[in-house]
Amino acid sequence: MDENKIEGTARNLGGKAEEATGKLTGDAKTQAEGKADQFSGKAQKTYGDAKEAASDAADGAKEGAAKLSEKAGEGYDQAKAAVSDAAEGATGEIARLRAQVEELMRERVKPALNDAAHKASDYAHQARDTIGEKAGQAGETIKERPLLSLAIIGVVGFVIGRLTSDRL
């Protein structure tokens, strides 16, 4: 309890006693001083009440702030834990997906690449064989008909010359 409240109440009671004494004795001055002390006591008690209410409000605000701070700390801890859990979950999911990708590479991609490489190699061998065969046939044709071959080479050269001379 605030001391102003106690002093104000005491001054008010003293003023009432002083006023009563002034009434009994017929002393107007004592009676007026008693009323003034009552008024002063009431004012001092009101000041004490206001001071105490302000102190209580400040204490309540401090308690509220402490509780709010505690809840914020709890919220931060919960958020931190949730982020940590999410990060662990994401790390686990990434590891799982990486394992799946490696398995797909082993089971499907590498065999498909090997098949494609074998097919490309087979096509290259077929092309080499065909070119060799056709080159042999062209050589035989040139040996059998040299004049026809020279005529064909001349016509091809002429056509190439005409095509390139128009562009220059």
Protein backbone atom coordinates (compact mmCIF):
# COMPACT_ATOMS: atom_id res chain seq x y z
CA MET A 1 0.00 0.00 0.00
CA ASP A 2 1.26 3.47 -0.88
CA GLU A 3 2.20 5.75 2.04
CA ASN A 4 0.30 8.64 0.46
CA LYS A 5 -2.91 6.62 0.81
CA ILE A 6 -2.24 6.00 4.50
CA GLU A 7 -1.24 9.61 5.22
CA GLY A 8 -4.18 10.94 3.19
CA THR A 9 -6.65 8.73 5.07
CA ALA A 10 -5.11 9.78 8.40
CA ARG A 11 -5.24 13.51 7.46
CA ASN A 12 -8.88 13.08 6.33
CA LEU A 13 -9.81 11.45 9.66
CA GLY A 14 -7.87 14.13 11.54
CA GLY A 15 -9.70 16.80 9.57
CA LYS A 16 -13.06 15.21 10.45
CA ALA A 17 -12.09 15.21 14.11
CA GLU A 18 -10.91 18.82 13.89
CA GLU A 19 -14.15 19.84 12.15
CA ALA A 20 -16.22 18.07 14.82
CA THR A 21 -14.21 19.84 17.54
CA GLY A 22 -14.80 23.17 15.82
CA LYS A 23 -18.56 22.46 15.68
CA LEU A 24 -18.63 21.49 19.35
CA THR A 25 -16.66 24.49 20.46
CA GLY A 26 -18.30 26.84 18.00
CA ASP A 27 -14.88 27.76 16.57
CA ALA A 28 -15.40 28.46 12.85
CA LYS A 29 -11.66 28.66 12.18
CA THR A 30 -11.03 25.18 13.61
CA GLN A 31 -14.04 23.88 11.75
CA ALA A 32 -12.69 25.39 8.43
CA GLU A 33 -9.19 24.02 9.09
CA GLY A 34 -10.76 20.59 9.67
CA LYS A 35 -12.57 20.81 6.30
CA ALA A 36 -9.32 21.91 4.61
CA ASP A 37 -7.46 18.97 6.19
CA GLN A 38 -10.22 16.61 4.99
CA PHE A 39 -9.93 17.97 1.46
CA SER A 40 -6.13 17.76 1.59
CA GLY A 41 -6.34 14.21 2.96
CA LYS A 42 -8.77 13.14 0.24
CA ALA A 43 -6.47 14.65 -2.41
CA GLN A 44 -3.42 12.92 -0.94
CA LYS A 45 -5.28 9.60 -0.74
CA THR A 46 -6.46 10.03 -4.38
CA TYR A 47 -2.85 10.71 -5.39
CA GLY A 48 -1.78 7.54 -3.52
CA ASP A 49 -4.56 5.55 -5.25
CA ALA A 50 -3.46 6.83 -8.67
CA LYS A 51 0.19 6.13 -7.88
CA GLU A 52 -0.65 2.62 -6.73
CA ALA A 53 -2.86 2.01 -9.82
CA ALA A 54 -0.01 3.22 -12.08
CA SER A 55 2.43 0.95 -10.27
CA ASP A 56 0.04 -1.99 -10.58
CA ALA A 57 -0.46 -1.22 -14.28
CA ALA A 58 3.32 -1.05 -14.79
CA ASP A 59 3.73 -4.35 -12.95
CA GLY A 60 0.97 -5.86 -15.08
CA ALA A 61 2.63 -4.54 -18.23
CA LYS A 62 5.96 -6.01 -17.11
CA GLU A 63 4.31 -9.35 -16.42
CA GLY A 64 2.50 -9.23 -19.77
CA ALA A 65 5.72 -8.34 -21.56
CA ALA A 66 7.54 -11.17 -19.79
CA LYS A 67 4.80 -13.63 -20.75
CA LEU A 68 4.78 -12.32 -24.31
CA SER A 69 8.55 -12.59 -24.48
CA GLU A 70 8.35 -16.14 -23.12
CA LYS A 71 5.69 -17.07 -25.68
CA ALA A 72 7.74 -15.47 -28.45
CA GLY A 73 10.73 -17.49 -27.29
CA GLU A 74 8.61 -20.64 -27.33
CA GLY A 75 7.33 -19.73 -30.79
CA TYR A 76 10.89 -19.17 -31.98
CA ASP A 77 11.95 -22.52 -30.54
CA GLN A 78 8.98 -24.23 -32.19
CA ALA A 79 9.69 -22.54 -35.52
CA LYS A 80 13.36 -23.47 -35.25
CA ALA A 81 12.44 -27.08 -34.51
CA ALA A 82 9.97 -27.13 -37.42
CA VAL A 83 12.59 -25.73 -39.81
CA SER A 84 15.12 -28.26 -38.53
CA ASP A 85 12.62 -31.09 -39.02
CA ALA A 86 11.80 -29.84 -42.51
CA ALA A 87 15.50 -29.62 -43.37
CA GLU A 88 16.08 -33.17 -42.13
CA GLY A 89 13.07 -34.35 -44.12
CA ALA A 90 14.31 -32.55 -47.24
CA THR A 91 17.79 -34.02 -46.79
CA GLY A 92 16.29 -37.49 -46.48
CA GLU A 93 14.11 -36.94 -49.54
CA ILE A 94 17.10 -35.69 -51.55
CA ALA A 95 19.10 -38.77 -50.55
CA ARG A 96 16.18 -41.01 -51.56
CA LEU A 97 15.82 -39.26 -54.93
CA ARG A 98 19.57 -39.44 -55.53
CA ALA A 99 19.45 -43.19 -54.92
CA GLN A 100 16.54 -43.51 -57.37
CA VAL A 101 18.44 -41.54 -60.03
CA GLU A 102 21.52 -43.72 -59.56
CA GLU A 103 19.38 -46.84 -59.84
CA LEU A 104 17.73 -45.54 -63.03
CA MET A 105 21.15 -44.73 -64.46
CA ARG A 106 22.34 -48.25 -63.69
CA GLU A 107 19.22 -50.08 -64.83
CA ARG A 108 17.98 -48.05 -67.80
CA VAL A 109 20.24 -45.25 -69.03
CA LYS A 110 23.53 -47.14 -69.19
CA PRO A 111 21.97 -50.13 -70.99
CA ALA A 112 20.19 -47.79 -73.42
CA LEU A 113 23.46 -45.95 -74.13
CA ASN A 114 25.26 -49.26 -74.65
CA ASP A 115 22.54 -50.40 -77.10
CA ALA A 116 22.78 -47.09 -78.97
CA ALA A 117 26.57 -47.37 -79.14
CA HIS A 118 26.34 -50.93 -80.51
CA LYS A 119 23.77 -49.87 -83.13
CA ALA A 120 25.92 -46.89 -84.15
CA SER A 121 28.91 -49.19 -84.45
CA ASP A 122 26.90 -51.65 -86.55
CA TYR A 123 25.71 -48.82 -88.86
CA ALA A 124 29.29 -47.56 -89.20
CA HIS A 125 30.48 -51.06 -90.19
CA GLN A 126 27.62 -51.40 -92.69
CA ALA A 127 28.41 -47.98 -94.17
CA ARG A 128 32.13 -48.84 -94.43
CA ASP A 129 31.33 -52.15 -96.10
CA THR A 130 28.86 -50.54 -98.52
CA ILE A 131 31.31 -47.76 -99.42
CA GLY A 132 34.06 -50.30 -99.94
CA GLU A 133 31.79 -52.40 -102.12
CA LYS A 134 30.57 -49.43 -104.18
CA ALA A 135 34.14 -48.09 -104.52
CA GLY A 136 35.22 -51.50 -105.84
CA GLN A 137 32.34 -51.50 -108.34
CA ALA A 138 33.20 -47.95 -109.43
CA GLY A 139 36.82 -49.02 -109.92
CA GLU A 140 35.75 -51.96 -112.03
CA THR A 141 33.46 -49.77 -114.13
CA ILE A 142 36.29 -47.30 -114.72
CA LYS A 143 38.62 -50.12 -115.80
CA GLU A 144 36.01 -51.62 -118.12
CA ARG A 145 34.84 -48.33 -119.69
CA PRO A 146 37.57 -45.68 -119.27
CA LEU A 147 36.24 -43.33 -121.97
CA LEU A 148 32.73 -43.32 -120.51
CA SER A 149 34.22 -42.61 -117.09
CA LEU A 150 36.26 -39.69 -118.48
CA ALA A 151 33.15 -38.31 -120.18
CA ILE A 152 31.15 -38.52 -116.95
CA ILE A 153 33.97 -36.88 -114.99
CA GLY A 154 34.16 -34.12 -117.63
CA VAL A 155 30.42 -33.46 -117.50
CA VAL A 156 30.46 -33.39 -113.69
CA GLY A 157 33.43 -31.00 -113.72
CA PHE A 158 31.70 -28.78 -116.28
CA VAL A 159 28.50 -28.64 -114.21
CA ILE A 160 30.43 -27.86 -111.03
CA GLY A 161 32.36 -25.14 -112.87
CA ARG A 162 29.17 -23.56 -114.18
CA LEU A 163 27.49 -23.65 -110.82
CA THR A 164 30.42 -22.02 -109.06
CA SER A 165 31.11 -19.44 -111.79
CA ASP A 166 27.56 -18.07 -111.59
CA ARG A 167 27.99 -17.43 -107.92
CA LEU A 168 31.20 -15.44 -108.30
